[in-house]
C-alpha atoms as a PDB file:
ATOM      1  CA  MET A   1       0.000   0.000   0.000  1.00  0.00           C
ATOM      2  CA  ALA A   2       3.016   2.309   0.148  1.00  0.00           C
ATOM      3  CA  SER A   3       2.440   3.333  -3.462  1.00  0.00           C
ATOM      4  CA  LEU A   4      -0.898   4.902  -2.504  1.00  0.00           C
ATOM      5  CA  ARG A   5       0.494   7.352   0.030  1.00  0.00           C
ATOM      6  CA  ARG A   6      -0.589  10.939  -0.413  1.00  0.00           C
ATOM      7  CA  ALA A   7       1.587  12.994  -2.738  1.00  0.00           C
ATOM      8  CA  ARG A   8       1.930  16.664  -3.489  1.00  0.00           C
ATOM      9  CA  PRO A   9      -1.213  18.637  -4.400  1.00  0.00           C
ATOM     10  CA  SER A  10      -1.941  19.576  -8.037  1.00  0.00           C
ATOM     11  CA  GLY A  11      -4.577  22.180  -8.829  1.00  0.00           C
ATOM     12  CA  GLY A  12      -6.006  21.922  -5.312  1.00  0.00           C
ATOM     13  CA  VAL A  13      -6.523  18.137  -5.526  1.00  0.00           C
ATOM     14  CA  TRP A  14      -4.348  15.590  -3.693  1.00  0.00           C
ATOM     15  CA  TYR A  15      -3.315  12.763  -5.994  1.00  0.00           C
ATOM     16  CA  PRO A  16      -2.161   9.392  -4.663  1.00  0.00           C
ATOM     17  CA  ARG A  17       1.289   8.561  -5.960  1.00  0.00           C
ATOM     18  CA  ALA A  18      -0.076   5.695  -8.019  1.00  0.00           C
ATOM     19  CA  LEU A  19      -2.303   8.149  -9.890  1.00  0.00           C
ATOM     20  CA  GLU A  20       0.515  10.664 -10.298  1.00  0.00           C
ATOM     21  CA  ARG A  21       2.583   8.165 -12.265  1.00  0.00           C
ATOM     22  CA  LEU A  22      -0.158   7.242 -14.708  1.00  0.00           C
ATOM     23  CA  ARG A  23       0.177   7.767 -18.427  1.00  0.00           C
ATOM     24  CA  VAL A  24      -2.762   8.149 -20.773  1.00  0.00           C
ATOM     25  CA  ILE A  25      -3.379   8.275 -24.496  1.00  0.00           C
ATOM     26  CA  GLY A  26      -4.517  11.571 -25.968  1.00  0.00           C
ATOM     27  CA  VAL A  27      -6.077  11.687 -29.436  1.00  0.00           C
ATOM     28  CA  ASP A  28      -6.522  14.993 -31.271  1.00  0.00           C
ATOM     29  CA  VAL A  29      -8.842  14.474 -34.236  1.00  0.00           C
ATOM     30  CA  GLY A  30      -8.539  17.174 -36.885  1.00  0.00           C
ATOM     31  CA  GLY A  31     -10.131  17.583 -40.273  1.00  0.00           C
ATOM     32  CA  THR A  32      -6.912  16.687 -42.095  1.00  0.00           C
ATOM     33  CA  LYS A  33      -4.717  14.890 -39.555  1.00  0.00           C
ATOM     34  CA  THR A  34      -5.018  12.994 -36.297  1.00  0.00           C
ATOM     35  CA  LEU A  35      -2.341  13.070 -33.606  1.00  0.00           C
ATOM     36  CA  CYS A  36      -2.240  10.248 -31.051  1.00  0.00           C
ATOM     37  CA  ALA A  37       0.218  10.423 -28.144  1.00  0.00           C
ATOM     38  CA  VAL A  38       1.143   9.117 -24.712  1.00  0.00           C
ATOM     39  CA  VAL A  39       0.709  12.046 -22.314  1.00  0.00           C
ATOM     40  CA  THR A  40       1.862  12.517 -18.720  1.00  0.00           C
ATOM     41  CA  ARG A  41      -0.009  14.389 -16.013  1.00  0.00           C
ATOM     42  CA  GLU A  42       2.428  17.291 -16.440  1.00  0.00           C
ATOM     43  CA  GLY A  43       1.579  17.568 -20.139  1.00  0.00           C
ATOM     44  CA  ALA A  44       4.722  15.952 -21.502  1.00  0.00           C
ATOM     45  CA  ILE A  45       4.451  13.842 -24.653  1.00  0.00           C
ATOM     46  CA  GLU A  46       6.351  10.565 -24.413  1.00  0.00           C
ATOM     47  CA  ALA A  47       5.388   9.011 -27.749  1.00  0.00           C
ATOM     48  CA  ARG A  48       3.400  10.173 -30.738  1.00  0.00           C
ATOM     49  CA  LEU A  49       1.794   8.920 -33.926  1.00  0.00           C
ATOM     50  CA  GLU A  50       0.474  11.247 -36.620  1.00  0.00           C
ATOM     51  CA  GLN A  51      -1.597  10.130 -39.575  1.00  0.00           C
ATOM     52  CA  PRO A  52      -4.114  11.570 -42.051  1.00  0.00           C
ATOM     53  CA  THR A  53      -7.704  11.743 -40.854  1.00  0.00           C
ATOM     54  CA  VAL A  54      -9.971   9.450 -42.856  1.00  0.00           C
ATOM     55  CA  VAL A  55     -13.184  11.329 -43.639  1.00  0.00           C
ATOM     56  CA  SER A  56     -14.780   9.090 -46.267  1.00  0.00           C
ATOM     57  CA  SER A  57     -17.302   7.738 -43.742  1.00  0.00           C
ATOM     58  CA  GLN A  58     -17.963   7.490 -40.030  1.00  0.00           C
ATOM     59  CA  GLU A  59     -17.077   3.796 -40.037  1.00  0.00           C
ATOM     60  CA  ALA A  60     -13.759   4.426 -41.794  1.00  0.00           C
ATOM     61  CA  LEU A  61     -12.859   7.234 -39.394  1.00  0.00           C
ATOM     62  CA  LEU A  62     -13.622   5.093 -36.338  1.00  0.00           C
ATOM     63  CA  ALA A  63     -11.557   2.231 -37.751  1.00  0.00           C
ATOM     64  CA  GLU A  64      -8.617   4.564 -38.279  1.00  0.00           C
ATOM     65  CA  LEU A  65      -8.892   5.930 -34.733  1.00  0.00           C
ATOM     66  CA  ASP A  66      -8.996   2.382 -33.384  1.00  0.00           C
ATOM     67  CA  SER A  67      -5.863   1.558 -35.350  1.00  0.00           C
ATOM     68  CA  ALA A  68      -3.979   4.600 -34.019  1.00  0.00           C
ATOM     69  CA  VAL A  69      -4.898   3.828 -30.410  1.00  0.00           C
ATOM     70  CA  GLU A  70      -3.931   0.185 -30.802  1.00  0.00           C
ATOM     71  CA  LYS A  71      -0.552   1.041 -32.307  1.00  0.00           C
ATOM     72  CA  ILE A  72       0.310   3.400 -29.440  1.00  0.00           C
ATOM     73  CA  ARG A  73      -1.050   1.003 -26.836  1.00  0.00           C
ATOM     74  CA  ALA A  74       0.971  -1.898 -28.210  1.00  0.00           C
ATOM     75  CA  ALA A  75       4.163  -0.006 -27.395  1.00  0.00           C
ATOM     76  CA  HIS A  76       2.817   1.422 -24.109  1.00  0.00           C
ATOM     77  CA  PRO A  77       0.473  -1.201 -22.625  1.00  0.00           C
ATOM     78  CA  ASP A  78       0.443   0.420 -19.168  1.00  0.00           C
ATOM     79  CA  VAL A  79      -1.659   3.458 -20.186  1.00  0.00           C
ATOM     80  CA  ALA A  80      -4.640   3.970 -17.885  1.00  0.00           C
ATOM     81  CA  GLY A  81      -7.159   5.753 -20.078  1.00  0.00           C
ATOM     82  CA  ILE A  82      -7.871   7.509 -23.371  1.00  0.00           C
ATOM     83  CA  GLY A  83      -8.972  11.077 -24.046  1.00  0.00           C
ATOM     84  CA  PHE A  84     -10.331  12.250 -27.388  1.00  0.00           C
ATOM     85  CA  GLY A  85     -10.508  15.855 -28.553  1.00  0.00           C
ATOM     86  CA  ILE A  86     -12.939  15.934 -31.472  1.00  0.00           C
ATOM     87  CA  PRO A  87     -14.321  18.821 -33.579  1.00  0.00           C
ATOM     88  CA  SER A  88     -17.841  18.148 -32.376  1.00  0.00           C
ATOM     89  CA  ARG A  89     -20.668  19.404 -30.234  1.00  0.00           C
ATOM     90  CA  ILE A  90     -20.786  16.930 -27.367  1.00  0.00           C
ATOM     91  CA  ASP A  91     -23.468  15.964 -24.907  1.00  0.00           C
ATOM     92  CA  GLN A  92     -21.313  15.121 -21.883  1.00  0.00           C
ATOM     93  CA  ARG A  93     -24.250  13.551 -20.076  1.00  0.00           C
ATOM     94  CA  THR A  94     -24.205  10.651 -22.521  1.00  0.00           C
ATOM     95  CA  GLY A  95     -20.825  10.957 -24.234  1.00  0.00           C
ATOM     96  CA  ARG A  96     -22.574  11.533 -27.518  1.00  0.00           C
ATOM     97  CA  ALA A  97     -21.013  13.351 -30.489  1.00  0.00           C
ATOM     98  CA  VAL A  98     -24.062  15.298 -31.654  1.00  0.00           C
ATOM     99  CA  ALA A  99     -22.650  16.999 -34.757  1.00  0.00           C
ATOM    100  CA  SER A 100     -19.183  17.735 -36.111  1.00  0.00           C
ATOM    101  CA  VAL A 101     -17.215  20.036 -38.375  1.00  0.00           C
ATOM    102  CA  ASN A 102     -14.905  18.573 -41.036  1.00  0.00           C
ATOM    103  CA  VAL A 103     -15.253  14.951 -39.834  1.00  0.00           C
ATOM    104  CA  PRO A 104     -18.137  12.465 -40.290  1.00  0.00           C
ATOM    105  CA  LEU A 105     -19.210  12.084 -36.656  1.00  0.00           C
ATOM    106  CA  ALA A 106     -22.862  12.678 -35.840  1.00  0.00           C
ATOM    107  CA  GLU A 107     -25.435  11.237 -33.443  1.00  0.00           C
ATOM    108  CA  LEU A 108     -22.868   8.731 -32.213  1.00  0.00           C
ATOM    109  CA  ASP A 109     -22.398   7.359 -28.691  1.00  0.00           C
ATOM    110  CA  PHE A 110     -18.685   7.989 -29.106  1.00  0.00           C
ATOM    111  CA  ARG A 111     -17.548   7.571 -25.503  1.00  0.00           C
ATOM    112  CA  ASP A 112     -19.330   4.246 -24.936  1.00  0.00           C
ATOM    113  CA  ARG A 113     -18.242   2.941 -28.307  1.00  0.00           C
ATOM    114  CA  MET A 114     -14.569   3.676 -27.622  1.00  0.00           C
ATOM    115  CA  ARG A 115     -14.772   2.380 -24.045  1.00  0.00           C
ATOM    116  CA  GLU A 116     -16.214  -0.926 -25.208  1.00  0.00           C
ATOM    117  CA  ARG A 117     -13.772  -1.234 -28.098  1.00  0.00           C
ATOM    118  CA  HIS A 118     -10.592  -0.571 -26.112  1.00  0.00           C
ATOM    119  CA  GLY A 119     -11.500  -1.707 -22.600  1.00  0.00           C
ATOM    120  CA  LEU A 120     -10.203   1.458 -20.918  1.00  0.00           C
ATOM    121  CA  PRO A 121     -11.809   4.522 -19.324  1.00  0.00           C
ATOM    122  CA  VAL A 122     -12.550   7.033 -22.090  1.00  0.00           C
ATOM    123  CA  ALA A 123     -13.165  10.790 -21.912  1.00  0.00           C
ATOM    124  CA  ILE A 124     -14.168  13.063 -24.782  1.00  0.00           C
ATOM    125  CA  ASP A 125     -14.373  16.800 -25.277  1.00  0.00           C
ATOM    126  CA  ASN A 126     -14.612  19.383 -27.990  1.00  0.00           C
ATOM    127  CA  ASP A 127     -11.210  20.080 -29.544  1.00  0.00           C
ATOM    128  CA  GLY A 128     -11.370  23.765 -28.587  1.00  0.00           C
ATOM    129  CA  ASN A 129     -11.993  22.849 -24.944  1.00  0.00           C
ATOM    130  CA  ALA A 130      -9.120  20.367 -25.071  1.00  0.00           C
ATOM    131  CA  ALA A 131      -6.682  22.994 -26.388  1.00  0.00           C
ATOM    132  CA  THR A 132      -7.833  25.443 -23.717  1.00  0.00           C
ATOM    133  CA  ILE A 133      -7.332  22.916 -20.935  1.00  0.00           C
ATOM    134  CA  ALA A 134      -3.843  22.155 -22.271  1.00  0.00           C
ATOM    135  CA  GLU A 135      -2.793  25.808 -22.248  1.00  0.00           C
ATOM    136  CA  TRP A 136      -4.254  26.173 -18.739  1.00  0.00           C
ATOM    137  CA  LYS A 137      -2.515  23.094 -17.367  1.00  0.00           C
ATOM    138  CA  ALA A 138       0.795  23.209 -19.224  1.00  0.00           C
ATOM    139  CA  GLY A 139       1.009  26.299 -21.430  1.00  0.00           C
ATOM    140  CA  ALA A 140       0.449  30.046 -21.577  1.00  0.00           C
ATOM    141  CA  ALA A 141      -2.339  30.115 -18.960  1.00  0.00           C
ATOM    142  CA  ARG A 142      -0.610  28.137 -16.198  1.00  0.00           C
ATOM    143  CA  GLY A 143      -1.691  29.422 -12.803  1.00  0.00           C
ATOM    144  CA  ALA A 144      -4.667  31.453 -14.073  1.00  0.00           C
ATOM    145  CA  SER A 145      -8.202  30.860 -12.857  1.00  0.00           C
ATOM    146  CA  TYR A 146     -10.153  32.854 -15.461  1.00  0.00           C
ATOM    147  CA  VAL A 147      -9.132  32.234 -19.068  1.00  0.00           C
ATOM    148  CA  VAL A 148     -10.631  32.755 -22.498  1.00  0.00           C
ATOM    149  CA  MET A 149      -8.898  30.958 -25.352  1.00  0.00           C
ATOM    150  CA  LEU A 150      -9.537  31.447 -29.052  1.00  0.00           C
ATOM    151  CA  THR A 151      -8.018  29.278 -31.753  1.00  0.00           C
ATOM    152  CA  LEU A 152      -8.011  31.234 -35.000  1.00  0.00           C
ATOM    153  CA  GLY A 153      -7.635  28.765 -37.823  1.00  0.00           C
ATOM    154  CA  THR A 154      -9.853  27.904 -40.762  1.00  0.00           C
ATOM    155  CA  GLY A 155     -12.649  28.519 -38.276  1.00  0.00           C
ATOM    156  CA  VAL A 156     -12.671  29.854 -34.719  1.00  0.00           C
ATOM    157  CA  GLY A 157     -12.623  27.500 -31.761  1.00  0.00           C
ATOM    158  CA  GLY A 158     -12.033  28.172 -28.129  1.00  0.00           C
ATOM    159  CA  GLY A 159     -12.870  27.445 -24.555  1.00  0.00           C
ATOM    160  CA  LEU A 160     -13.234  28.841 -21.060  1.00  0.00           C
ATOM    161  CA  ILE A 161     -11.668  28.310 -17.664  1.00  0.00           C
ATOM    162  CA  LEU A 162     -13.872  29.906 -15.009  1.00  0.00           C
ATOM    163  CA  ASP A 163     -13.021  29.919 -11.311  1.00  0.00           C
ATOM    164  CA  GLY A 164     -10.292  27.371 -11.942  1.00  0.00           C
ATOM    165  CA  ARG A 165     -12.523  24.885 -13.766  1.00  0.00           C
ATOM    166  CA  PRO A 166     -13.221  24.141 -17.433  1.00  0.00           C
ATOM    167  CA  TYR A 167     -16.644  25.487 -18.369  1.00  0.00           C
ATOM    168  CA  ARG A 168     -18.798  23.236 -20.543  1.00  0.00           C
ATOM    169  CA  GLY A 169     -22.357  24.425 -19.952  1.00  0.00           C
ATOM    170  CA  ALA A 170     -25.468  22.485 -18.964  1.00  0.00           C
ATOM    171  CA  THR A 171     -25.037  19.573 -21.384  1.00  0.00           C
ATOM    172  CA  GLY A 172     -21.355  19.844 -22.255  1.00  0.00           C
ATOM    173  CA  SER A 173     -21.643  21.651 -25.571  1.00  0.00           C
ATOM    174  CA  GLY A 174     -21.093  25.153 -24.171  1.00  0.00           C
ATOM    175  CA  ALA A 175     -18.264  27.617 -24.791  1.00  0.00           C
ATOM    176  CA  GLU A 176     -18.704  27.679 -28.578  1.00  0.00           C
ATOM    177  CA  LEU A 177     -16.948  31.033 -28.640  1.00  0.00           C
ATOM    178  CA  GLY A 178     -16.548  31.096 -32.404  1.00  0.00           C
ATOM    179  CA  HIS A 179     -20.319  31.339 -32.696  1.00  0.00           C
ATOM    180  CA  VAL A 180     -20.916  34.508 -30.719  1.00  0.00           C
ATOM    181  CA  VAL A 181     -22.810  36.903 -32.991  1.00  0.00           C
ATOM    182  CA  VAL A 182     -20.746  40.018 -33.733  1.00  0.00           C
ATOM    183  CA  GLU A 183     -22.554  41.239 -36.857  1.00  0.00           C
ATOM    184  CA  PHE A 184     -26.320  40.880 -37.112  1.00  0.00           C
ATOM    185  CA  ASP A 185     -27.292  39.298 -40.441  1.00  0.00           C
ATOM    186  CA  GLY A 186     -23.613  39.201 -41.402  1.00  0.00           C
ATOM    187  CA  PRO A 187     -21.823  36.638 -43.586  1.00  0.00           C
ATOM    188  CA  PRO A 188     -23.105  33.057 -43.330  1.00  0.00           C
ATOM    189  CA  CYS A 189     -21.357  30.694 -40.944  1.00  0.00           C
ATOM    190  CA  ALA A 190     -20.711  27.002 -41.585  1.00  0.00           C
ATOM    191  CA  CYS A 191     -23.089  26.181 -38.718  1.00  0.00           C
ATOM    192  CA  GLY A 192     -26.014  27.819 -40.553  1.00  0.00           C
ATOM    193  CA  GLY A 193     -26.064  31.060 -38.570  1.00  0.00           C
ATOM    194  CA  ARG A 194     -24.954  34.494 -39.759  1.00  0.00           C
ATOM    195  CA  GLY A 195     -22.455  37.054 -38.532  1.00  0.00           C
ATOM    196  CA  HIS A 196     -20.748  34.725 -36.086  1.00  0.00           C
ATOM    197  CA  LEU A 197     -17.187  35.482 -35.036  1.00  0.00           C
ATOM    198  CA  GLU A 198     -16.028  32.502 -37.122  1.00  0.00           C
ATOM    199  CA  SER A 199     -17.641  33.927 -40.251  1.00  0.00           C
ATOM    200  CA  VAL A 200     -15.912  37.313 -39.942  1.00  0.00           C
ATOM    201  CA  ALA A 201     -12.582  36.743 -38.128  1.00  0.00           C
ATOM    202  CA  SER A 202     -11.166  33.391 -39.283  1.00  0.00           C
ATOM    203  CA  GLY A 203      -8.846  32.100 -41.950  1.00  0.00           C
ATOM    204  CA  LYS A 204     -11.920  31.183 -43.967  1.00  0.00           C
ATOM    205  CA  ALA A 205     -13.219  34.745 -43.697  1.00  0.00           C
ATOM    206  CA  ALA A 206      -9.829  36.119 -44.795  1.00  0.00           C
ATOM    207  CA  SER A 207      -9.763  33.736 -47.767  1.00  0.00           C
ATOM    208  CA  ARG A 208     -13.247  34.853 -48.795  1.00  0.00           C
ATOM    209  CA  VAL A 209     -12.165  38.502 -48.891  1.00  0.00           C
ATOM    210  CA  ALA A 210      -8.891  37.610 -50.630  1.00  0.00           C
ATOM    211  CA  ARG A 211     -10.789  35.927 -53.453  1.00  0.00           C
ATOM    212  CA  GLU A 212     -12.990  38.979 -53.845  1.00  0.00           C
ATOM    213  CA  LEU A 213      -9.926  41.218 -54.115  1.00  0.00           C
ATOM    214  CA  TYR A 214      -7.342  39.120 -55.919  1.00  0.00           C
ATOM    215  CA  GLY A 215      -9.176  36.365 -57.784  1.00  0.00           C
ATOM    216  CA  PRO A 216     -10.430  32.812 -57.221  1.00  0.00           C
ATOM    217  CA  GLU A 217      -7.015  31.323 -56.424  1.00  0.00           C
ATOM    218  CA  ALA A 218      -6.214  33.783 -53.622  1.00  0.00           C
ATOM    219  CA  ASP A 219      -6.447  32.781 -49.975  1.00  0.00           C
ATOM    220  CA  ALA A 220      -5.753  34.021 -46.442  1.00  0.00           C
ATOM    221  CA  HIS A 221      -2.012  33.426 -46.844  1.00  0.00           C
ATOM    222  CA  GLU A 222      -1.847  35.772 -49.823  1.00  0.00           C
ATOM    223  CA  LEU A 223      -3.826  38.420 -47.972  1.00  0.00           C
ATOM    224  CA  VAL A 224      -1.464  38.230 -45.005  1.00  0.00           C
ATOM    225  CA  ARG A 225       1.595  38.266 -47.282  1.00  0.00           C
ATOM    226  CA  ARG A 226       0.358  41.397 -49.051  1.00  0.00           C
ATOM    227  CA  ALA A 227      -0.434  43.070 -45.736  1.00  0.00           C
ATOM    228  CA  ASP A 228       3.015  42.184 -44.382  1.00  0.00           C
ATOM    229  CA  ALA A 229       4.483  43.817 -47.495  1.00  0.00           C
ATOM    230  CA  GLY A 230       2.623  47.027 -46.675  1.00  0.00           C
ATOM    231  CA  GLU A 231      -0.046  46.983 -49.405  1.00  0.00           C
ATOM    232  CA  GLY A 232      -2.586  49.475 -48.131  1.00  0.00           C
ATOM    233  CA  GLU A 233      -5.723  47.647 -49.224  1.00  0.00           C
ATOM    234  CA  ALA A 234      -4.571  44.384 -47.657  1.00  0.00           C
ATOM    235  CA  VAL A 235      -3.529  46.132 -44.445  1.00  0.00           C
ATOM    236  CA  GLU A 236      -6.967  47.718 -44.125  1.00  0.00           C
ATOM    237  CA  VAL A 237      -8.772  44.457 -44.819  1.00  0.00           C
ATOM    238  CA  MET A 238      -6.755  42.695 -42.145  1.00  0.00           C
ATOM    239  CA  ALA A 239      -7.430  45.563 -39.764  1.00  0.00           C
ATOM    240  CA  GLU A 240     -11.167  45.236 -40.388  1.00  0.00           C
ATOM    241  CA  ILE A 241     -10.991  41.520 -39.610  1.00  0.00           C
ATOM    242  CA  GLY A 242      -9.029  42.431 -36.483  1.00  0.00           C
ATOM    243  CA  ARG A 243     -11.675  44.940 -35.417  1.00  0.00           C
ATOM    244  CA  ARG A 244     -14.358  42.275 -35.686  1.00  0.00           C
ATOM    245  CA  LEU A 245     -12.154  40.003 -33.608  1.00  0.00           C
ATOM    246  CA  GLY A 246     -11.894  42.845 -31.102  1.00  0.00           C
ATOM    247  CA  ALA A 247     -15.680  43.023 -30.892  1.00  0.00           C
ATOM    248  CA  GLY A 248     -15.703  39.380 -29.893  1.00  0.00           C
ATOM    249  CA  LEU A 249     -12.909  39.895 -27.364  1.00  0.00           C
ATOM    250  CA  ALA A 250     -14.735  42.846 -25.811  1.00  0.00           C
ATOM    251  CA  THR A 251     -17.858  40.702 -25.469  1.00  0.00           C
ATOM    252  CA  PHE A 252     -15.939  37.941 -23.705  1.00  0.00           C
ATOM    253  CA  VAL A 253     -14.178  40.410 -21.408  1.00  0.00           C
ATOM    254  CA  ASN A 254     -17.454  42.105 -20.462  1.00  0.00           C
ATOM    255  CA  ILE A 255     -19.141  38.786 -19.656  1.00  0.00           C
ATOM    256  CA  PHE A 256     -16.362  36.685 -18.121  1.00  0.00           C
ATOM    257  CA  GLU A 257     -13.718  39.187 -16.934  1.00  0.00           C
ATOM    258  CA  PRO A 258     -10.802  36.853 -17.672  1.00  0.00           C
ATOM    259  CA  GLU A 259      -7.261  37.349 -16.474  1.00  0.00           C
ATOM    260  CA  LEU A 260      -5.932  36.130 -19.812  1.00  0.00           C
ATOM    261  CA  ILE A 261      -7.056  35.806 -23.391  1.00  0.00           C
ATOM    262  CA  VAL A 262      -4.939  33.171 -25.121  1.00  0.00           C
ATOM    263  CA  ILE A 263      -4.752  33.345 -28.917  1.00  0.00           C
ATOM    264  CA  GLY A 264      -3.785  30.206 -30.814  1.00  0.00           C
ATOM    265  CA  GLY A 265      -4.381  28.612 -34.186  1.00  0.00           C
ATOM    266  CA  GLY A 266      -2.527  28.800 -37.482  1.00  0.00           C
ATOM    267  CA  PHE A 267      -4.251  31.931 -38.799  1.00  0.00           C
ATOM    268  CA  GLY A 268      -3.739  33.717 -35.489  1.00  0.00           C
ATOM    269  CA  LYS A 269      -0.042  32.902 -35.594  1.00  0.00           C
ATOM    270  CA  VAL A 270       0.660  34.081 -39.140  1.00  0.00           C
ATOM    271  CA  ALA A 271      -1.566  37.164 -38.912  1.00  0.00           C
ATOM    272  CA  SER A 272      -0.341  38.174 -35.440  1.00  0.00           C
ATOM    273  CA  GLU A 273      -0.336  41.949 -34.892  1.00  0.00           C
ATOM    274  CA  LEU A 274      -2.111  42.613 -38.189  1.00  0.00           C
ATOM    275  CA  LEU A 275      -5.156  41.308 -36.311  1.00  0.00           C
ATOM    276  CA  LEU A 276      -4.322  41.896 -32.671  1.00  0.00           C
ATOM    277  CA  GLY A 277      -3.379  45.570 -32.957  1.00  0.00           C
ATOM    278  CA  PRO A 278      -6.828  46.607 -34.268  1.00  0.00           C
ATOM    279  CA  ALA A 279      -8.486  44.058 -31.946  1.00  0.00           C
ATOM    280  CA  ARG A 280      -6.876  45.696 -28.910  1.00  0.00           C
ATOM    281  CA  GLU A 281      -8.170  49.102 -30.024  1.00  0.00           C
ATOM    282  CA  VAL A 282     -11.759  47.839 -30.140  1.00  0.00           C
ATOM    283  CA  LEU A 283     -11.321  46.023 -26.839  1.00  0.00           C
ATOM    284  CA  ALA A 284     -10.064  49.252 -25.221  1.00  0.00           C
ATOM    285  CA  ARG A 285     -13.059  51.148 -26.628  1.00  0.00           C
ATOM    286  CA  ASP A 286     -15.851  48.664 -26.002  1.00  0.00           C
ATOM    287  CA  GLY A 287     -14.584  46.631 -23.055  1.00  0.00           C
ATOM    288  CA  LEU A 288     -15.728  47.653 -19.596  1.00  0.00           C
ATOM    289  CA  VAL A 289     -13.213  48.836 -17.028  1.00  0.00           C
ATOM    290  CA  PRO A 290     -11.500  47.597 -14.985  1.00  0.00           C
ATOM    291  CA  ALA A 291     -11.591  44.275 -16.848  1.00  0.00           C
ATOM    292  CA  SER A 292     -10.539  45.708 -20.214  1.00  0.00           C
ATOM    293  CA  GLU A 293      -7.562  47.442 -18.577  1.00  0.00           C
ATOM    294  CA  THR A 294      -6.282  44.411 -16.681  1.00  0.00           C
ATOM    295  CA  VAL A 295      -6.812  41.543 -19.122  1.00  0.00           C
ATOM    296  CA  LYS A 296      -3.711  40.314 -20.930  1.00  0.00           C
ATOM    297  CA  ILE A 297      -3.716  38.961 -24.473  1.00  0.00           C
ATOM    298  CA  VAL A 298      -1.029  36.318 -24.885  1.00  0.00           C
ATOM    299  CA  GLU A 299       0.075  33.897 -27.584  1.00  0.00           C
ATOM    300  CA  ALA A 300      -0.561  30.183 -27.070  1.00  0.00           C
ATOM    301  CA  GLU A 301       2.583  28.233 -26.197  1.00  0.00           C
ATOM    302  CA  LEU A 302       1.813  24.642 -27.088  1.00  0.00           C
ATOM    303  CA  ARG A 303       1.102  25.214 -30.785  1.00  0.00           C
ATOM    304  CA  ALA A 304       0.164  22.039 -32.673  1.00  0.00           C
ATOM    305  CA  ASP A 305       0.518  19.887 -29.534  1.00  0.00           C
ATOM    306  CA  ALA A 306      -2.208  21.702 -27.577  1.00  0.00           C
ATOM    307  CA  GLY A 307      -5.018  19.474 -28.799  1.00  0.00           C
ATOM    308  CA  VAL A 308      -3.360  16.155 -28.014  1.00  0.00           C
ATOM    309  CA  ILE A 309      -2.052  17.331 -24.633  1.00  0.00           C
ATOM    310  CA  GLY A 310      -5.529  18.592 -23.786  1.00  0.00           C
ATOM    311  CA  ALA A 311      -7.037  15.271 -24.832  1.00  0.00           C
ATOM    312  CA  GLY A 312      -4.678  13.631 -22.350  1.00  0.00           C
ATOM    313  CA  MET A 313      -5.676  16.110 -19.657  1.00  0.00           C
ATOM    314  CA  ILE A 314      -9.378  15.283 -20.022  1.00  0.00           C
ATOM    315  CA  ALA A 315      -8.502  11.599 -19.658  1.00  0.00           C
ATOM    316  CA  PHE A 316      -6.806  12.431 -16.361  1.00  0.00           C
ATOM    317  CA  GLU A 317      -9.818  14.515 -15.342  1.00  0.00           C
ATOM    318  CA  ALA A 318     -12.079  11.507 -15.849  1.00  0.00           C
ATOM    319  CA  LEU A 319      -9.725   9.168 -13.998  1.00  0.00           C
ATOM    320  CA  ASP A 320      -9.459  11.555 -11.042  1.00  0.00           C
ATOM    321  CA  SER A 321     -13.214  11.943 -10.777  1.00  0.00           C
ATOM    322  CA  GLY A 322     -13.801   8.208 -11.092  1.00  0.00           C
ATOM    323  CA  SER A 323     -16.098   8.712 -14.078  1.00  0.00           C
END
């Protein structure tokens, strides 16, 4: 029984030493690639496997995820659980993937299916929540209790840490920050709504404007390149996207009063201050004091590993809670 003696506290919870030493599998399912890794409680990656995401059908995708987990588990048979970060709206009460973006998962009892298939405890979460939890546990938001994270990529994902806990809403599908409405009756969003933050301040939104300006082959990368080169029209377009982003940030600050706003995602990284400079101006104008004066906007630290580390963290969360 010596291995179960109390160990140091982590996040306010005392972990027995046996639990501290556990390793889990994290699986980050993206629209184009899936990353599967062995993750420690501290957020270190000890082994990884990356492969293309199969999107031809739900059955093919599940088979590919099974294969990835089995390959990792064969080399690391002592893992204690599996966490999946998936681009889906999730009902945490049942572990059901209700609907998804870019992958064929819908109306599927994902958690039970994976638990039965692999014989291990399984946790699932939205990929934006997973990335947020990773940055909170092991990245740019370590030590913070109130965090807003936005991942600016093709779309806009994100998540919330409120009072030192991940916020998921009543059923588990909350914190869809990319779908806050910032422009009534604005451009259509992939979800079917209009004027959502994702439809006006994402890589997809930048590509849409680039095609209007520079032709059907243009995309967000060309728009950013032209803006970086100082082309006035491109600079102003990027600034307008940044101002819409700022409207979203001001909304989040006024509602949640976070200590930190963490910005991640590929589009956020390449666009950087072309977006964030104008966004800060709108936040300063429309955000309420003192929150708008004290909040810090920081760059995500974990980059492409955030999703898989976060998937591991939600596996630990489930193990710790006994669920």
